[in-house]
Amino acid sequence: MPNTVQEIYTQVISTLPPIERLRLATMILNGLVEQNTTVVDVSDTWTDQDQLDLAAFSWQYAADAFPEDREIAQ
C-alpha cells in the first residue's frame, strides 16, 4: 500500500481515466470547503520569499511567452 501522497498519485490516481481524476479532484475540493479549512494565507503581508517567488515566476513566464526576446538579449 502506498505511504506518501506522491506514491498514491503515481500508483493509483495517475492510472485513472481523466474523468475519474476530475471527479476525485472535485470530491477533495468539496470536502475542504465543507470542513471550512483555511489552506490559503489571506493576510495582506508579503514576505521577502513571497516577493522573490513572484519575481521568479514573472521572469520565467515572460521568458516562455516571448522566447524571441531572450535570443536578442543574449
PDB file of N, CA and C in Angstrom:
ATOM      1  N   MET A   1       0.844  -1.178   0.000  1.00  0.00           N
ATOM      2  CA  MET A   1       0.000   0.000   0.000  1.00  0.00           C
ATOM      3  C   MET A   1       0.894   1.247   0.000  1.00  0.00           C
ATOM      4  N   PRO A   2       0.556   2.244  -0.828  1.00  0.00           N
ATOM      5  CA  PRO A   2       1.362   3.473  -0.897  1.00  0.00           C
ATOM      6  C   PRO A   2       1.336   4.233   0.432  1.00  0.00           C
ATOM      7  N   ASN A   3       2.460   4.856   0.763  1.00  0.00           N
ATOM      8  CA  ASN A   3       2.561   5.566   2.036  1.00  0.00           C
ATOM      9  C   ASN A   3       2.562   7.080   1.909  1.00  0.00           C
ATOM     10  N   THR A   4       2.957   7.600   0.765  1.00  0.00           N
ATOM     11  CA  THR A   4       3.025   9.051   0.600  1.00  0.00           C
ATOM     12  C   THR A   4       2.026   9.497  -0.460  1.00  0.00           C
ATOM     13  N   VAL A   5       1.759  10.776  -0.455  1.00  0.00           N
ATOM     14  CA  VAL A   5       0.843  11.340  -1.456  1.00  0.00           C
ATOM     15  C   VAL A   5       1.390  11.097  -2.859  1.00  0.00           C
ATOM     16  N   GLN A   6       2.701  11.265  -3.036  1.00  0.00           N
ATOM     17  CA  GLN A   6       3.307  11.037  -4.350  1.00  0.00           C
ATOM     18  C   GLN A   6       3.127   9.586  -4.794  1.00  0.00           C
ATOM     19  N   GLU A   7       3.304   8.653  -3.865  1.00  0.00           N
ATOM     20  CA  GLU A   7       3.111   7.240  -4.206  1.00  0.00           C
ATOM     21  C   GLU A   7       1.658   6.944  -4.560  1.00  0.00           C
ATOM     22  N   ILE A   8       0.740   7.531  -3.805  1.00  0.00           N
ATOM     23  CA  ILE A   8      -0.689   7.338  -4.094  1.00  0.00           C
ATOM     24  C   ILE A   8      -1.002   7.877  -5.483  1.00  0.00           C
ATOM     25  N   TYR A   9      -0.486   9.060  -5.784  1.00  0.00           N
ATOM     26  CA  TYR A   9      -0.752   9.649  -7.095  1.00  0.00           C
ATOM     27  C   TYR A   9      -0.174   8.772  -8.207  1.00  0.00           C
ATOM     28  N   THR A  10       1.073   8.371  -8.044  1.00  0.00           N
ATOM     29  CA  THR A  10       1.748   7.601  -9.084  1.00  0.00           C
ATOM     30  C   THR A  10       1.115   6.232  -9.290  1.00  0.00           C
ATOM     31  N   GLN A  11       0.823   5.545  -8.197  1.00  0.00           N
ATOM     32  CA  GLN A  11       0.345   4.167  -8.299  1.00  0.00           C
ATOM     33  C   GLN A  11      -1.159   4.043  -8.516  1.00  0.00           C
ATOM     34  N   VAL A  12      -1.919   5.019  -8.059  1.00  0.00           N
ATOM     35  CA  VAL A  12      -3.378   4.880  -8.118  1.00  0.00           C
ATOM     36  C   VAL A  12      -4.015   5.945  -9.009  1.00  0.00           C
ATOM     37  N   ILE A  13      -3.833   7.189  -8.640  1.00  0.00           N
ATOM     38  CA  ILE A  13      -4.581   8.277  -9.279  1.00  0.00           C
ATOM     39  C   ILE A  13      -4.185   8.477 -10.736  1.00  0.00           C
ATOM     40  N   SER A  14      -2.893   8.447 -11.033  1.00  0.00           N
ATOM     41  CA  SER A  14      -2.468   8.706 -12.421  1.00  0.00           C
ATOM     42  C   SER A  14      -2.929   7.614 -13.380  1.00  0.00           C
ATOM     43  N   THR A  15      -3.321   6.463 -12.857  1.00  0.00           N
ATOM     44  CA  THR A  15      -3.803   5.378 -13.727  1.00  0.00           C
ATOM     45  C   THR A  15      -5.291   5.512 -14.048  1.00  0.00           C
ATOM     46  N   LEU A  16      -5.985   6.392 -13.340  1.00  0.00           N
ATOM     47  CA  LEU A  16      -7.413   6.590 -13.580  1.00  0.00           C
ATOM     48  C   LEU A  16      -7.637   7.371 -14.869  1.00  0.00           C
ATOM     49  N   PRO A  17      -8.775   7.151 -15.520  1.00  0.00           N
ATOM     50  CA  PRO A  17      -9.111   7.971 -16.691  1.00  0.00           C
ATOM     51  C   PRO A  17      -9.318   9.430 -16.255  1.00  0.00           C
ATOM     52  N   PRO A  18      -9.119  10.371 -17.164  1.00  0.00           N
ATOM     53  CA  PRO A  18      -9.239  11.797 -16.817  1.00  0.00           C
ATOM     54  C   PRO A  18     -10.545  12.165 -16.122  1.00  0.00           C
ATOM     55  N   ILE A  19     -11.663  11.619 -16.554  1.00  0.00           N
ATOM     56  CA  ILE A  19     -12.949  11.988 -15.941  1.00  0.00           C
ATOM     57  C   ILE A  19     -12.995  11.552 -14.475  1.00  0.00           C
ATOM     58  N   GLU A  20     -12.406  10.398 -14.167  1.00  0.00           N
ATOM     59  CA  GLU A  20     -12.382   9.933 -12.780  1.00  0.00           C
ATOM     60  C   GLU A  20     -11.447  10.790 -11.931  1.00  0.00           C
ATOM     61  N   ARG A  21     -10.342  11.240 -12.512  1.00  0.00           N
ATOM     62  CA  ARG A  21      -9.435  12.126 -11.778  1.00  0.00           C
ATOM     63  C   ARG A  21     -10.116  13.455 -11.492  1.00  0.00           C
ATOM     64  N   LEU A  22     -10.903  13.968 -12.450  1.00  0.00           N
ATOM     65  CA  LEU A  22     -11.650  15.202 -12.217  1.00  0.00           C
ATOM     66  C   LEU A  22     -12.692  15.014 -11.117  1.00  0.00           C
ATOM     67  N   ARG A  23     -13.365  13.866 -11.110  1.00  0.00           N
ATOM     68  CA  ARG A  23     -14.338  13.591 -10.045  1.00  0.00           C
ATOM     69  C   ARG A  23     -13.648  13.547  -8.688  1.00  0.00           C
ATOM     70  N   LEU A  24     -12.478  12.925  -8.642  1.00  0.00           N
ATOM     71  CA  LEU A  24     -11.736  12.845  -7.391  1.00  0.00           C
ATOM     72  C   LEU A  24     -11.309  14.242  -6.935  1.00  0.00           C
ATOM     73  N   ALA A  25     -10.819  15.059  -7.859  1.00  0.00           N
ATOM     74  CA  ALA A  25     -10.422  16.427  -7.510  1.00  0.00           C
ATOM     75  C   ALA A  25     -11.613  17.209  -6.971  1.00  0.00           C
ATOM     76  N   THR A  26     -12.782  17.035  -7.596  1.00  0.00           N
ATOM     77  CA  THR A  26     -13.995  17.709  -7.136  1.00  0.00           C
ATOM     78  C   THR A  26     -14.363  17.263  -5.730  1.00  0.00           C
ATOM     79  N   MET A  27     -14.269  15.974  -5.483  1.00  0.00           N
ATOM     80  CA  MET A  27     -14.585  15.446  -4.151  1.00  0.00           C
ATOM     81  C   MET A  27     -13.632  16.020  -3.098  1.00  0.00           C
ATOM     82  N   ILE A  28     -12.351  16.089  -3.434  1.00  0.00           N
ATOM     83  CA  ILE A  28     -11.369  16.621  -2.490  1.00  0.00           C
ATOM     84  C   ILE A  28     -11.645  18.087  -2.196  1.00  0.00           C
ATOM     85  N   LEU A  29     -11.855  18.884  -3.240  1.00  0.00           N
ATOM     86  CA  LEU A  29     -12.108  20.315  -3.055  1.00  0.00           C
ATOM     87  C   LEU A  29     -13.409  20.562  -2.303  1.00  0.00           C
ATOM     88  N   ASN A  30     -14.454  19.819  -2.638  1.00  0.00           N
ATOM     89  CA  ASN A  30     -15.722  19.970  -1.917  1.00  0.00           C
ATOM     90  C   ASN A  30     -15.559  19.590  -0.453  1.00  0.00           C
ATOM     91  N   GLY A  31     -14.772  18.571  -0.174  1.00  0.00           N
ATOM     92  CA  GLY A  31     -14.523  18.169   1.206  1.00  0.00           C
ATOM     93  C   GLY A  31     -13.815  19.272   1.983  1.00  0.00           C
ATOM     94  N   LEU A  32     -12.865  19.950   1.350  1.00  0.00           N
ATOM     95  CA  LEU A  32     -12.176  21.058   2.013  1.00  0.00           C
ATOM     96  C   LEU A  32     -13.124  22.212   2.295  1.00  0.00           C
ATOM     97  N   VAL A  33     -14.010  22.500   1.349  1.00  0.00           N
ATOM     98  CA  VAL A  33     -14.975  23.580   1.537  1.00  0.00           C
ATOM     99  C   VAL A  33     -15.917  23.245   2.696  1.00  0.00           C
ATOM    100  N   GLU A  34     -16.378  22.011   2.746  1.00  0.00           N
ATOM    101  CA  GLU A  34     -17.287  21.601   3.816  1.00  0.00           C
ATOM    102  C   GLU A  34     -16.620  21.672   5.186  1.00  0.00           C
ATOM    103  N   GLN A  35     -15.322  21.392   5.241  1.00  0.00           N
ATOM    104  CA  GLN A  35     -14.610  21.459   6.510  1.00  0.00           C
ATOM    105  C   GLN A  35     -14.287  22.890   6.891  1.00  0.00           C
ATOM    106  N   ASN A  36     -14.477  23.808   5.949  1.00  0.00           N
ATOM    107  CA  ASN A  36     -14.153  25.216   6.149  1.00  0.00           C
ATOM    108  C   ASN A  36     -12.703  25.380   6.605  1.00  0.00           C
ATOM    109  N   THR A  37     -11.840  24.583   5.993  1.00  0.00           N
ATOM    110  CA  THR A  37     -10.424  24.603   6.329  1.00  0.00           C
ATOM    111  C   THR A  37      -9.737  25.746   5.601  1.00  0.00           C
ATOM    112  N   THR A  38      -8.993  26.531   6.350  1.00  0.00           N
ATOM    113  CA  THR A  38      -8.232  27.601   5.726  1.00  0.00           C
ATOM    114  C   THR A  38      -6.906  27.032   5.259  1.00  0.00           C
ATOM    115  N   VAL A  39      -6.723  26.979   3.950  1.00  0.00           N
ATOM    116  CA  VAL A  39      -5.497  26.434   3.394  1.00  0.00           C
ATOM    117  C   VAL A  39      -4.637  27.542   2.798  1.00  0.00           C
ATOM    118  N   VAL A  40      -5.269  28.651   2.513  1.00  0.00           N
ATOM    119  CA  VAL A  40      -4.554  29.761   1.896  1.00  0.00           C
ATOM    120  C   VAL A  40      -4.403  30.882   2.913  1.00  0.00           C
ATOM    121  N   ASP A  41      -3.209  31.396   2.997  1.00  0.00           N
ATOM    122  CA  ASP A  41      -2.950  32.532   3.874  1.00  0.00           C
ATOM    123  C   ASP A  41      -3.507  33.780   3.197  1.00  0.00           C
ATOM    124  N   VAL A  42      -4.500  34.385   3.796  1.00  0.00           N
ATOM    125  CA  VAL A  42      -5.147  35.538   3.186  1.00  0.00           C
ATOM    126  C   VAL A  42      -4.664  36.851   3.790  1.00  0.00           C
ATOM    127  N   SER A  43      -3.555  36.814   4.468  1.00  0.00           N
ATOM    128  CA  SER A  43      -3.041  38.051   5.058  1.00  0.00           C
ATOM    129  C   SER A  43      -2.574  39.000   3.953  1.00  0.00           C
ATOM    130  N   ASP A  44      -2.505  40.261   4.285  1.00  0.00           N
ATOM    131  CA  ASP A  44      -2.079  41.268   3.316  1.00  0.00           C
ATOM    132  C   ASP A  44      -0.566  41.469   3.304  1.00  0.00           C
ATOM    133  N   THR A  45       0.146  40.673   4.073  1.00  0.00           N
ATOM    134  CA  THR A  45       1.579  40.845   4.195  1.00  0.00           C
ATOM    135  C   THR A  45       2.317  39.907   3.255  1.00  0.00           C
ATOM    136  N   TRP A  46       3.210  40.468   2.457  1.00  0.00           N
ATOM    137  CA  TRP A  46       4.052  39.679   1.564  1.00  0.00           C
ATOM    138  C   TRP A  46       5.423  39.539   2.208  1.00  0.00           C
ATOM    139  N   THR A  47       5.858  38.322   2.367  1.00  0.00           N
ATOM    140  CA  THR A  47       7.193  38.105   2.914  1.00  0.00           C
ATOM    141  C   THR A  47       8.225  38.326   1.801  1.00  0.00           C
ATOM    142  N   ASP A  48       9.470  38.425   2.195  1.00  0.00           N
ATOM    143  CA  ASP A  48      10.536  38.537   1.194  1.00  0.00           C
ATOM    144  C   ASP A  48      10.511  37.338   0.256  1.00  0.00           C
ATOM    145  N   GLN A  49      10.253  36.152   0.814  1.00  0.00           N
ATOM    146  CA  GLN A  49      10.205  34.949  -0.013  1.00  0.00           C
ATOM    147  C   GLN A  49       9.042  35.007  -1.001  1.00  0.00           C
ATOM    148  N   ASP A  50       7.890  35.516  -0.573  1.00  0.00           N
ATOM    149  CA  ASP A  50       6.753  35.685  -1.479  1.00  0.00           C
ATOM    150  C   ASP A  50       7.136  36.562  -2.664  1.00  0.00           C
ATOM    151  N   GLN A  51       7.821  37.659  -2.386  1.00  0.00           N
ATOM    152  CA  GLN A  51       8.218  38.585  -3.440  1.00  0.00           C
ATOM    153  C   GLN A  51       9.240  37.955  -4.379  1.00  0.00           C
ATOM    154  N   LEU A  52      10.179  37.191  -3.825  1.00  0.00           N
ATOM    155  CA  LEU A  52      11.161  36.503  -4.666  1.00  0.00           C
ATOM    156  C   LEU A  52      10.486  35.463  -5.549  1.00  0.00           C
ATOM    157  N   ASP A  53       9.531  34.725  -4.976  1.00  0.00           N
ATOM    158  CA  ASP A  53       8.803  33.716  -5.751  1.00  0.00           C
ATOM    159  C   ASP A  53       8.023  34.366  -6.886  1.00  0.00           C
ATOM    160  N   LEU A  54       7.373  35.477  -6.607  1.00  0.00           N
ATOM    161  CA  LEU A  54       6.612  36.181  -7.636  1.00  0.00           C
ATOM    162  C   LEU A  54       7.519  36.687  -8.747  1.00  0.00           C
ATOM    163  N   ALA A  55       8.652  37.263  -8.372  1.00  0.00           N
ATOM    164  CA  ALA A  55       9.596  37.764  -9.376  1.00  0.00           C
ATOM    165  C   ALA A  55      10.122  36.623 -10.236  1.00  0.00           C
ATOM    166  N   ALA A  56      10.472  35.502  -9.616  1.00  0.00           N
ATOM    167  CA  ALA A  56      10.987  34.349 -10.371  1.00  0.00           C
ATOM    168  C   ALA A  56       9.928  33.823 -11.331  1.00  0.00           C
ATOM    169  N   PHE A  57       8.695  33.719 -10.857  1.00  0.00           N
ATOM    170  CA  PHE A  57       7.612  33.251 -11.717  1.00  0.00           C
ATOM    171  C   PHE A  57       7.392  34.218 -12.878  1.00  0.00           C
ATOM    172  N   SER A  58       7.417  35.508 -12.591  1.00  0.00           N
ATOM    173  CA  SER A  58       7.192  36.520 -13.629  1.00  0.00           C
ATOM    174  C   SER A  58       8.260  36.461 -14.706  1.00  0.00           C
ATOM    175  N   TRP A  59       9.514  36.353 -14.273  1.00  0.00           N
ATOM    176  CA  TRP A  59      10.610  36.262 -15.249  1.00  0.00           C
ATOM    177  C   TRP A  59      10.484  35.006 -16.096  1.00  0.00           C
ATOM    178  N   GLN A  60      10.140  33.886 -15.462  1.00  0.00           N
ATOM    179  CA  GLN A  60      10.003  32.634 -16.212  1.00  0.00           C
ATOM    180  C   GLN A  60       8.831  32.713 -17.186  1.00  0.00           C
ATOM    181  N   TYR A  61       7.732  33.302 -16.744  1.00  0.00           N
ATOM    182  CA  TYR A  61       6.576  33.452 -17.619  1.00  0.00           C
ATOM    183  C   TYR A  61       6.921  34.316 -18.830  1.00  0.00           C
ATOM    184  N   ALA A  62       7.596  35.426 -18.584  1.00  0.00           N
ATOM    185  CA  ALA A  62       7.975  36.319 -19.677  1.00  0.00           C
ATOM    186  C   ALA A  62       8.935  35.618 -20.637  1.00  0.00           C
ATOM    187  N   ALA A  63       9.872  34.855 -20.109  1.00  0.00           N
ATOM    188  CA  ALA A  63      10.830  34.146 -20.961  1.00  0.00           C
ATOM    189  C   ALA A  63      10.118  33.109 -21.821  1.00  0.00           C
ATOM    190  N   ASP A  64       9.119  32.432 -21.253  1.00  0.00           N
ATOM    191  CA  ASP A  64       8.367  31.439 -22.017  1.00  0.00           C
ATOM    192  C   ASP A  64       7.427  32.088 -23.029  1.00  0.00           C
ATOM    193  N   ALA A  65       6.841  33.216 -22.658  1.00  0.00           N
ATOM    194  CA  ALA A  65       5.864  33.885 -23.524  1.00  0.00           C
ATOM    195  C   ALA A  65       6.529  34.606 -24.695  1.00  0.00           C
ATOM    196  N   PHE A  66       7.770  35.073 -24.480  1.00  0.00           N
ATOM    197  CA  PHE A  66       8.461  35.838 -25.510  1.00  0.00           C
ATOM    198  C   PHE A  66       9.858  35.274 -25.740  1.00  0.00           C
ATOM    199  N   PRO A  67       9.953  34.061 -26.269  1.00  0.00           N
ATOM    200  CA  PRO A  67      11.265  33.433 -26.434  1.00  0.00           C
ATOM    201  C   PRO A  67      12.154  34.180 -27.424  1.00  0.00           C
ATOM    202  N   GLU A  68      11.554  34.876 -28.368  1.00  0.00           N
ATOM    203  CA  GLU A  68      12.362  35.601 -29.351  1.00  0.00           C
ATOM    204  C   GLU A  68      13.130  36.752 -28.699  1.00  0.00           C
ATOM    205  N   ASP A  69      12.580  37.350 -27.640  1.00  0.00           N
ATOM    206  CA  ASP A  69      13.272  38.423 -26.933  1.00  0.00           C
ATOM    207  C   ASP A  69      14.460  37.888 -26.152  1.00  0.00           C
ATOM    208  N   ARG A  70      14.398  36.658 -25.708  1.00  0.00           N
ATOM    209  CA  ARG A  70      15.504  36.055 -24.978  1.00  0.00           C
ATOM    210  C   ARG A  70      16.709  35.881 -25.909  1.00  0.00           C
ATOM    211  N   GLU A  71      16.444  35.502 -27.158  1.00  0.00           N
ATOM    212  CA  GLU A  71      17.540  35.304 -28.121  1.00  0.00           C
ATOM    213  C   GLU A  71      18.236  36.616 -28.426  1.00  0.00           C
ATOM    214  N   ILE A  72      17.472  37.720 -28.496  1.00  0.00           N
ATOM    215  CA  ILE A  72      18.037  39.035 -28.787  1.00  0.00           C
ATOM    216  C   ILE A  72      18.931  39.493 -27.642  1.00  0.00           C
ATOM    217  N   ALA A  73      18.508  39.212 -26.409  1.00  0.00           N
ATOM    218  CA  ALA A  73      19.247  39.681 -25.232  1.00  0.00           C
ATOM    219  C   ALA A  73      20.574  38.957 -25.074  1.00  0.00           C
ATOM    220  N   GLN A  74      20.701  37.771 -25.641  1.00  0.00           N
ATOM    221  CA  GLN A  74      21.926  37.014 -25.463  1.00  0.00           C
ATOM    222  C   GLN A  74      22.930  37.474 -26.418  1.00  0.00           C
TER     223      GLN A  74
END
